[in-house]
Amino acid sequence: MIGSVFLSVLVLVIGCSGQGLFSELEKRIDEAIAPELKTECCPSPNGMSIDLTQGTVFGSVAGVSTPIFYPQTNTKSECSYMAELTANFQSLTRCLYDWHHGGCVNFPMCGRRMLRIDMFLGDVRNGFMFNVGDSPSNNGWGGDNGHTDHDAEIFGRYPHMFSYKSDLCKSENATYANTLLAPGVKRVTIFVANNFFRITNDQGFDVEDCHKCLFALNGQDSNDPANTLYMAFNKVIQKFSSRRGVGVCNVRIRWECPDCERSSILTTSHDVKSADWK
């Protein structure tokens, strides 16, 4: 009996090895006994910094596209460039899907399974400051012109943030009042994974949600085998939309993994103290 239980645990460990599920246990496994379990966890490269005061990007992240920039000429805000980009997520293994009781990824895992987005804000802010969603036509308020049922999104329309579940849940939504309010709030961080998000800011706001109608990043959409997450800054995701804004000055993007090194994060002219990354 004891031997069969041990064998089942060993099979589970090996089956989920390298995914971050047993990261603490993996650290304790002797390399001489199971060297195959010692794998590189975070993708490389894994650090991108987007400067929306200049419309430039430094660094790159595996699975994340190079931003497309659009200038705005009708504003005096320093942080007015708009940007669009995408990230492609790795699906969960069968082992991890079962372990997560349906696939909600609510902690860092190995590979391209949880994306971290840090936004640093300027003094002048208005309009639609950012949009993160799993439809290429997300445009705020839970809409995407009927493009797909998988259209969950988070967006900021100054001074509030909003989250909307997909059409599969009739766009259930939440409002997070004054979570972008100047001058106090200077940084907003969003973690996105399959069926999950967490949003924080530097004034103590912290909310997360795990739901089947949140971001479909595990093969749920047959028309999107790449598990694409869409991001837009100082605008909504939908191209050519008039829903624009200003106030996001710098964005840093990386995959959040159990063994990511803090020292690998890029610095820019809009740098902050290292403590802000904890």
Protein backbone atom coordinates (compact mmCIF):
# COMPACT_ATOMS: atom_id res chain seq x y z
CA MET A 1 0.00 0.00 0.00
CA ILE A 2 2.73 2.44 1.02
CA GLY A 3 4.73 1.51 -2.07
CA SER A 4 1.79 2.21 -4.42
CA VAL A 5 1.12 5.60 -2.82
CA PHE A 6 4.81 6.54 -3.16
CA LEU A 7 4.78 5.46 -6.80
CA SER A 8 1.66 7.57 -7.52
CA VAL A 9 3.23 10.64 -5.94
CA LEU A 10 6.46 10.09 -7.87
CA VAL A 11 4.54 9.79 -11.15
CA LEU A 12 2.66 13.02 -10.38
CA VAL A 13 5.89 14.84 -9.54
CA ILE A 14 7.59 13.69 -12.73
CA GLY A 15 4.47 14.40 -14.80
CA CYS A 16 4.22 17.96 -13.52
CA SER A 17 7.94 18.58 -13.24
CA GLY A 18 9.10 21.77 -14.88
CA GLN A 19 5.65 23.35 -14.68
CA GLY A 20 6.12 25.13 -11.36
CA LEU A 21 3.58 22.94 -9.54
CA PHE A 22 6.20 21.30 -7.37
CA SER A 23 8.81 24.03 -7.46
CA GLU A 24 9.58 23.81 -3.74
CA LEU A 25 9.83 20.05 -3.86
CA GLU A 26 12.01 20.18 -6.95
CA LYS A 27 14.52 22.32 -5.09
CA ARG A 28 14.98 19.52 -2.59
CA ILE A 29 15.40 16.68 -5.04
CA ASP A 30 18.97 15.49 -5.29
CA GLU A 31 20.34 16.12 -8.75
CA ALA A 32 22.04 12.76 -8.72
CA ILE A 33 18.68 11.02 -8.25
CA ALA A 34 16.55 12.97 -10.70
CA PRO A 35 18.61 15.42 -12.78
CA GLU A 36 15.89 15.50 -15.43
CA LEU A 37 13.67 17.40 -13.03
CA LYS A 38 16.09 20.33 -12.94
CA THR A 39 14.82 22.39 -15.86
CA GLU A 40 14.98 26.04 -16.87
CA CYS A 41 11.68 27.50 -15.77
CA CYS A 42 11.36 31.03 -17.17
CA PRO A 43 11.46 31.76 -20.89
CA SER A 44 14.44 33.65 -22.20
CA PRO A 45 14.46 36.50 -23.11
CA ASN A 46 12.04 37.73 -20.47
CA GLY A 47 12.06 41.51 -20.11
CA MET A 48 10.40 44.22 -22.21
CA SER A 49 10.15 47.94 -21.40
CA ILE A 50 7.80 50.12 -23.46
CA ASP A 51 8.32 53.89 -23.34
CA LEU A 52 5.13 55.75 -24.22
CA THR A 53 6.77 59.16 -23.96
CA GLN A 54 8.96 58.35 -27.00
CA GLY A 55 7.20 55.44 -28.71
CA THR A 56 10.13 53.08 -28.22
CA VAL A 57 10.73 49.60 -26.84
CA PHE A 58 13.75 48.03 -25.20
CA GLY A 59 14.21 44.28 -24.70
CA SER A 60 11.97 41.41 -25.73
CA VAL A 61 9.88 38.64 -24.20
CA ALA A 62 9.44 35.17 -25.66
CA GLY A 63 5.93 34.80 -27.06
CA VAL A 64 5.20 38.54 -26.89
CA SER A 65 5.01 40.64 -30.05
CA THR A 66 6.88 43.87 -30.69
CA PRO A 67 4.58 46.82 -29.90
CA ILE A 68 3.00 48.89 -32.64
CA PHE A 69 3.04 52.59 -31.74
CA TYR A 70 0.69 55.41 -32.72
CA PRO A 71 1.38 59.06 -31.85
CA GLN A 72 -1.27 61.43 -30.52
CA THR A 73 -0.86 65.05 -31.56
CA ASN A 74 -3.94 66.56 -29.92
CA THR A 75 -2.67 66.43 -26.33
CA LYS A 76 0.00 68.11 -24.25
CA SER A 77 0.50 65.05 -22.07
CA GLU A 78 4.06 63.76 -21.94
CA CYS A 79 2.76 60.18 -21.93
CA SER A 80 0.59 60.11 -25.02
CA TYR A 81 1.93 57.47 -27.40
CA MET A 82 -0.51 54.60 -27.94
CA ALA A 83 0.70 51.00 -28.24
CA GLU A 84 -0.73 47.61 -29.16
CA LEU A 85 0.81 44.15 -28.73
CA THR A 86 -0.08 40.51 -28.07
CA ALA A 87 1.14 37.58 -25.96
CA ASN A 88 0.73 33.88 -26.74
CA PHE A 89 0.21 31.53 -23.79
CA GLN A 90 1.21 27.88 -23.46
CA SER A 91 -1.64 25.49 -22.74
CA LEU A 92 -1.64 23.48 -19.54
CA THR A 93 -0.64 19.85 -19.60
CA ARG A 94 -3.35 17.34 -18.77
CA CYS A 95 -1.74 16.84 -15.38
CA LEU A 96 -1.85 20.55 -14.54
CA TYR A 97 -5.37 20.98 -15.90
CA ASP A 98 -6.67 18.26 -13.58
CA TRP A 99 -4.70 19.62 -10.64
CA HIS A 100 -6.23 23.06 -11.14
CA HIS A 101 -9.78 21.62 -11.26
CA GLY A 102 -10.47 23.01 -14.69
CA GLY A 103 -7.50 25.18 -15.49
CA CYS A 104 -7.59 28.38 -13.41
CA VAL A 105 -3.93 29.36 -13.03
CA ASN A 106 -3.76 31.46 -9.86
CA PHE A 107 -0.04 31.27 -9.04
CA PRO A 108 3.20 31.60 -11.04
CA MET A 109 4.07 28.56 -13.14
CA CYS A 110 6.89 27.63 -15.44
CA GLY A 111 6.76 28.65 -19.06
CA ARG A 112 4.42 31.13 -20.72
CA ARG A 113 1.42 30.71 -18.44
CA MET A 114 1.18 33.87 -16.31
CA LEU A 115 1.94 37.31 -17.73
CA ARG A 116 2.88 40.28 -15.56
CA ILE A 117 2.16 43.82 -16.80
CA ASP A 118 3.48 46.80 -14.83
CA MET A 119 2.22 50.25 -15.81
CA PHE A 120 3.84 53.44 -14.53
CA LEU A 121 1.59 56.49 -14.69
CA GLY A 122 2.18 60.17 -15.37
CA ASP A 123 0.61 63.23 -13.79
CA VAL A 124 -1.78 64.02 -16.65
CA ARG A 125 -4.39 61.27 -17.14
CA ASN A 126 -7.71 60.92 -18.89
CA GLY A 127 -9.79 58.65 -21.08
CA PHE A 128 -9.09 55.00 -21.82
CA MET A 129 -5.63 54.38 -20.33
CA PHE A 130 -5.26 50.64 -21.00
CA ASN A 131 -7.11 47.54 -22.15
CA VAL A 132 -6.20 43.86 -21.68
CA GLY A 133 -8.42 41.15 -23.18
CA ASP A 134 -8.68 37.93 -25.15
CA SER A 135 -10.57 39.32 -28.15
CA PRO A 136 -8.88 41.34 -30.92
CA SER A 137 -11.93 43.63 -30.87
CA ASN A 138 -12.22 44.36 -27.13
CA ASN A 139 -13.22 48.02 -26.80
CA GLY A 140 -14.37 48.55 -23.22
CA TRP A 141 -17.63 47.92 -21.38
CA GLY A 142 -17.56 44.21 -22.25
CA GLY A 143 -17.99 44.76 -25.97
CA ASP A 144 -16.12 43.50 -29.04
CA ASN A 145 -18.73 44.05 -31.79
CA GLY A 146 -19.83 40.41 -31.47
CA HIS A 147 -16.46 39.18 -32.75
CA THR A 148 -16.22 36.21 -30.35
CA ASP A 149 -17.85 34.86 -27.19
CA HIS A 150 -14.40 34.83 -25.59
CA ASP A 151 -14.11 38.54 -24.91
CA ALA A 152 -13.20 38.97 -21.24
CA GLU A 153 -11.34 42.20 -20.56
CA ILE A 154 -9.85 44.57 -18.02
CA PHE A 155 -9.60 48.25 -18.83
CA GLY A 156 -8.86 51.56 -17.21
CA ARG A 157 -10.97 54.63 -17.91
CA TYR A 158 -9.72 57.38 -15.70
CA PRO A 159 -9.99 57.35 -12.73
CA HIS A 160 -11.49 53.84 -12.43
CA MET A 161 -10.63 50.28 -13.51
CA PHE A 162 -13.17 47.73 -14.70
CA SER A 163 -13.25 43.97 -15.31
CA TYR A 164 -15.73 42.17 -17.57
CA LYS A 165 -16.24 38.44 -17.95
CA SER A 166 -16.91 37.06 -21.42
CA ASP A 167 -20.23 36.81 -23.27
CA LEU A 168 -20.48 33.24 -21.96
CA CYS A 169 -21.39 34.80 -18.62
CA LYS A 170 -23.37 37.70 -20.12
CA SER A 171 -20.58 40.15 -19.38
CA GLU A 172 -20.64 40.03 -15.58
CA ASN A 173 -18.55 42.97 -14.47
CA ALA A 174 -16.95 44.83 -11.56
CA THR A 175 -15.88 48.44 -11.02
CA TYR A 176 -12.79 49.38 -8.99
CA ALA A 177 -13.37 53.03 -8.16
CA ASN A 178 -10.56 55.60 -8.13
CA THR A 179 -7.84 52.95 -8.50
CA LEU A 180 -6.10 55.12 -11.15
CA LEU A 181 -6.54 58.41 -9.32
CA ALA A 182 -3.73 60.95 -9.59
CA PRO A 183 -1.48 61.96 -7.96
CA GLY A 184 -1.46 59.11 -5.42
CA VAL A 185 -1.51 56.07 -7.72
CA LYS A 186 1.73 55.84 -9.69
CA ARG A 187 1.88 52.15 -10.58
CA VAL A 188 -0.65 49.47 -11.54
CA THR A 189 0.26 45.81 -11.93
CA ILE A 190 -1.86 43.17 -13.66
CA PHE A 191 -1.26 39.42 -13.64
CA VAL A 192 -3.11 37.46 -16.33
CA ALA A 193 -3.41 33.70 -16.76
CA ASN A 194 -5.98 31.20 -17.96
CA ASN A 195 -9.34 32.02 -16.29
CA PHE A 196 -7.56 34.35 -13.86
CA PHE A 197 -6.47 37.90 -13.16
CA ARG A 198 -5.01 39.85 -10.28
CA ILE A 199 -4.80 43.66 -10.19
CA THR A 200 -2.78 45.70 -7.69
CA ASN A 201 -1.63 49.29 -7.33
CA ASP A 202 0.95 51.02 -5.17
CA GLN A 203 -1.72 52.39 -2.81
CA GLY A 204 -2.71 48.99 -1.42
CA PHE A 205 -5.45 48.00 -3.86
CA ASP A 206 -5.39 44.24 -4.52
CA VAL A 207 -8.12 42.16 -6.16
CA GLU A 208 -8.14 38.84 -7.98
CA ASP A 209 -10.69 36.63 -9.68
CA CYS A 210 -10.70 33.04 -10.88
CA HIS A 211 -13.60 32.10 -13.15
CA LYS A 212 -14.39 29.96 -16.18
CA CYS A 213 -15.57 33.06 -18.08
CA LEU A 214 -12.35 34.99 -17.66
CA PHE A 215 -9.45 34.90 -20.12
CA ALA A 216 -9.59 31.84 -22.41
CA LEU A 217 -5.88 31.02 -22.69
CA ASN A 218 -5.89 27.24 -22.66
CA GLY A 219 -7.30 26.17 -26.02
CA GLN A 220 -10.94 27.05 -25.33
CA ASP A 221 -11.25 29.09 -28.53
CA SER A 222 -10.94 26.87 -31.60
CA ASN A 223 -10.26 29.96 -33.71
CA ASP A 224 -7.27 30.93 -31.57
CA PRO A 225 -4.86 27.98 -31.19
CA ALA A 226 -2.14 30.41 -30.06
CA ASN A 227 -4.05 31.39 -26.87
CA THR A 228 -3.66 35.09 -27.61
CA LEU A 229 -3.91 37.89 -25.06
CA TYR A 230 -4.30 41.39 -26.53
CA MET A 231 -2.94 44.52 -24.84
CA ALA A 232 -3.32 48.21 -25.59
CA PHE A 233 -2.04 51.25 -23.73
CA ASN A 234 -3.50 54.77 -23.92
CA LYS A 235 -6.27 53.25 -26.06
CA VAL A 236 -8.59 50.24 -26.27
CA ILE A 237 -7.62 47.06 -28.09
CA GLN A 238 -9.92 47.50 -31.10
CA LYS A 239 -8.03 49.07 -33.97
CA PHE A 240 -9.07 52.52 -35.18
CA SER A 241 -11.36 53.04 -32.19
CA SER A 242 -11.89 56.60 -30.99
CA ARG A 243 -11.63 55.38 -27.38
CA ARG A 244 -8.24 56.76 -26.46
CA GLY A 245 -6.53 58.21 -23.43
CA VAL A 246 -3.27 59.43 -21.94
CA GLY A 247 -1.34 58.82 -18.76
CA VAL A 248 0.46 55.47 -19.10
CA CYS A 249 4.11 56.48 -19.44
CA ASN A 250 6.00 53.21 -19.24
CA VAL A 251 5.03 49.53 -19.36
CA ARG A 252 7.13 46.55 -18.35
CA ILE A 253 6.15 43.04 -19.37
CA ARG A 254 7.48 39.63 -18.41
CA TRP A 255 6.32 36.08 -17.78
CA GLU A 256 5.88 35.50 -14.06
CA CYS A 257 7.57 32.23 -13.09
CA PRO A 258 8.66 30.62 -9.79
CA ASP A 259 12.37 31.27 -10.44
CA CYS A 260 12.33 34.62 -12.26
CA GLU A 261 15.28 36.75 -11.24
CA ARG A 262 14.45 40.27 -10.04
CA SER A 263 17.79 41.46 -11.38
CA SER A 264 16.71 40.67 -14.95
CA ILE A 265 14.09 43.42 -14.97
CA LEU A 266 15.01 46.24 -17.29
CA THR A 267 15.54 49.81 -16.12
CA THR A 268 14.41 52.87 -18.03
CA SER A 269 14.16 56.61 -17.65
CA HIS A 270 10.94 55.95 -15.77
CA ASP A 271 12.66 53.57 -13.36
CA VAL A 272 11.43 52.92 -9.84
CA LYS A 273 13.03 51.52 -6.73
CA SER A 274 13.66 47.78 -6.79
CA ALA A 275 11.29 47.41 -3.83
CA ASP A 276 8.42 48.28 -6.16
CA TRP A 277 8.91 44.96 -7.94
CA LYS A 278 8.30 42.86 -4.82
